[in-house]
Amino acid sequence: MDASNNTSPHATPHGASPYGASPPNPSPFELPPVRAPRTDAEVRAFLANLPRYRLWLHDDPRHAVADIARALADAVAMVEGEEAMRLCLLARKHGRAAI
């Protein structure tokens, strides 16, 4: 069989993919398109559609309240030192506290 006259049904032209056209490779120097900033109304509409969740802190009798308060303040951006301690004491007293 002559190599230049390959009549195999699986033959493809030199450089062509047997799986169809491949997408063009994006240039590493191209930047993604810039989107206009969202308006306040768009942000409010987006936030209104988010599901409502509640974060619960449950009592953990194995760990010291101060350790839990420190971990809570580190993990939750809106909770700071005294508020974290108050939440931990509420959880200790009532079994859980909503954050």
Protein backbone atom coordinates (compact mmCIF):
# COMPACT_ATOMS: atom_id res chain seq x y z
CA MET A 1 0.00 0.00 0.00
CA ASP A 2 1.36 3.43 -0.94
CA ALA A 3 1.73 5.79 2.05
CA SER A 4 0.68 8.80 -0.03
CA ASN A 5 -2.55 7.13 -1.10
CA ASN A 6 -4.01 6.04 2.20
CA THR A 7 -7.60 5.01 1.55
CA SER A 8 -8.39 3.98 5.11
CA PRO A 9 -11.81 5.23 6.29
CA HIS A 10 -10.06 6.53 9.45
CA ALA A 11 -7.47 8.57 7.58
CA THR A 12 -7.42 12.34 8.14
CA PRO A 13 -5.46 15.03 6.34
CA HIS A 14 -2.14 15.95 7.92
CA GLY A 15 -2.75 17.99 11.08
CA ALA A 16 -6.54 17.47 11.15
CA SER A 17 -8.21 15.98 14.18
CA PRO A 18 -10.23 12.79 13.66
CA TYR A 19 -12.73 14.17 16.23
CA GLY A 20 -13.79 17.21 14.22
CA ALA A 21 -12.71 20.80 14.34
CA SER A 22 -11.00 21.80 17.54
CA PRO A 23 -11.72 25.18 19.12
CA PRO A 24 -9.13 27.84 18.50
CA ASN A 25 -6.58 28.24 21.25
CA PRO A 26 -7.08 31.54 23.08
CA SER A 27 -4.08 33.78 23.09
CA PRO A 28 -2.47 34.15 26.52
CA PHE A 29 -2.35 37.89 25.84
CA GLU A 30 -6.10 38.34 25.28
CA LEU A 31 -8.09 39.66 28.21
CA PRO A 32 -11.68 38.63 28.88
CA PRO A 33 -14.31 41.17 27.89
CA VAL A 34 -14.97 43.86 30.48
CA ARG A 35 -18.48 43.97 31.92
CA ALA A 36 -20.03 47.23 32.99
CA PRO A 37 -20.36 47.60 36.79
CA ARG A 38 -23.64 46.44 38.27
CA THR A 39 -26.11 49.07 39.38
CA ASP A 40 -27.52 49.21 42.90
CA ALA A 41 -30.86 48.01 41.56
CA GLU A 42 -29.21 44.97 39.92
CA VAL A 43 -27.41 44.11 43.16
CA ARG A 44 -30.60 44.45 45.22
CA ALA A 45 -32.50 42.25 42.75
CA PHE A 46 -29.72 39.64 42.88
CA LEU A 47 -29.64 39.64 46.69
CA ALA A 48 -33.44 39.43 46.90
CA ASN A 49 -33.33 36.15 44.96
CA LEU A 50 -30.75 34.50 47.20
CA PRO A 51 -32.09 31.83 49.55
CA ARG A 52 -32.26 32.79 53.20
CA TYR A 53 -29.92 30.82 55.43
CA ARG A 54 -29.24 30.95 59.12
CA LEU A 55 -25.93 30.00 60.67
CA TRP A 56 -26.27 28.18 63.99
CA LEU A 57 -23.56 27.83 66.60
CA HIS A 58 -24.20 24.72 68.68
CA ASP A 59 -22.88 24.23 72.19
CA ASP A 60 -19.61 22.31 72.30
CA PRO A 61 -18.91 21.21 75.88
CA ARG A 62 -15.56 19.63 74.91
CA HIS A 63 -13.88 22.94 74.08
CA ALA A 64 -13.36 26.07 76.15
CA VAL A 65 -15.69 28.98 75.39
CA ALA A 66 -12.70 31.29 74.78
CA ASP A 67 -11.29 28.89 72.17
CA ILE A 68 -14.64 28.66 70.39
CA ALA A 69 -15.07 32.44 70.47
CA ARG A 70 -11.61 32.94 68.96
CA ALA A 71 -12.31 30.39 66.20
CA LEU A 72 -15.72 31.96 65.53
CA ALA A 73 -14.22 35.45 65.21
CA ASP A 74 -11.57 34.10 62.82
CA ALA A 75 -14.07 32.17 60.68
CA VAL A 76 -16.99 34.62 60.44
CA ALA A 77 -16.08 38.07 59.13
CA MET A 78 -19.06 39.87 60.69
CA VAL A 79 -18.38 38.56 64.22
CA GLU A 80 -15.74 40.24 66.35
CA GLY A 81 -14.29 39.51 69.81
CA GLU A 82 -16.99 40.51 72.31
CA GLU A 83 -19.82 39.49 69.96
CA ALA A 84 -18.18 36.08 69.45
CA MET A 85 -17.94 35.58 73.21
CA ARG A 86 -21.59 36.62 73.67
CA LEU A 87 -22.70 34.13 70.99
CA CYS A 88 -20.65 31.34 72.57
CA LEU A 89 -22.18 32.02 75.99
CA LEU A 90 -25.68 32.02 74.46
CA ALA A 91 -24.94 28.69 72.78
CA ARG A 92 -23.61 27.30 76.06
CA LYS A 93 -26.73 28.45 77.95
CA HIS A 94 -29.43 27.57 75.35
CA GLY A 95 -27.75 24.79 73.35
CA ARG A 96 -27.38 26.91 70.21
CA ALA A 97 -27.21 30.52 69.03
CA ALA A 98 -28.11 32.10 65.69
CA ILE A 99 -25.31 34.08 64.09
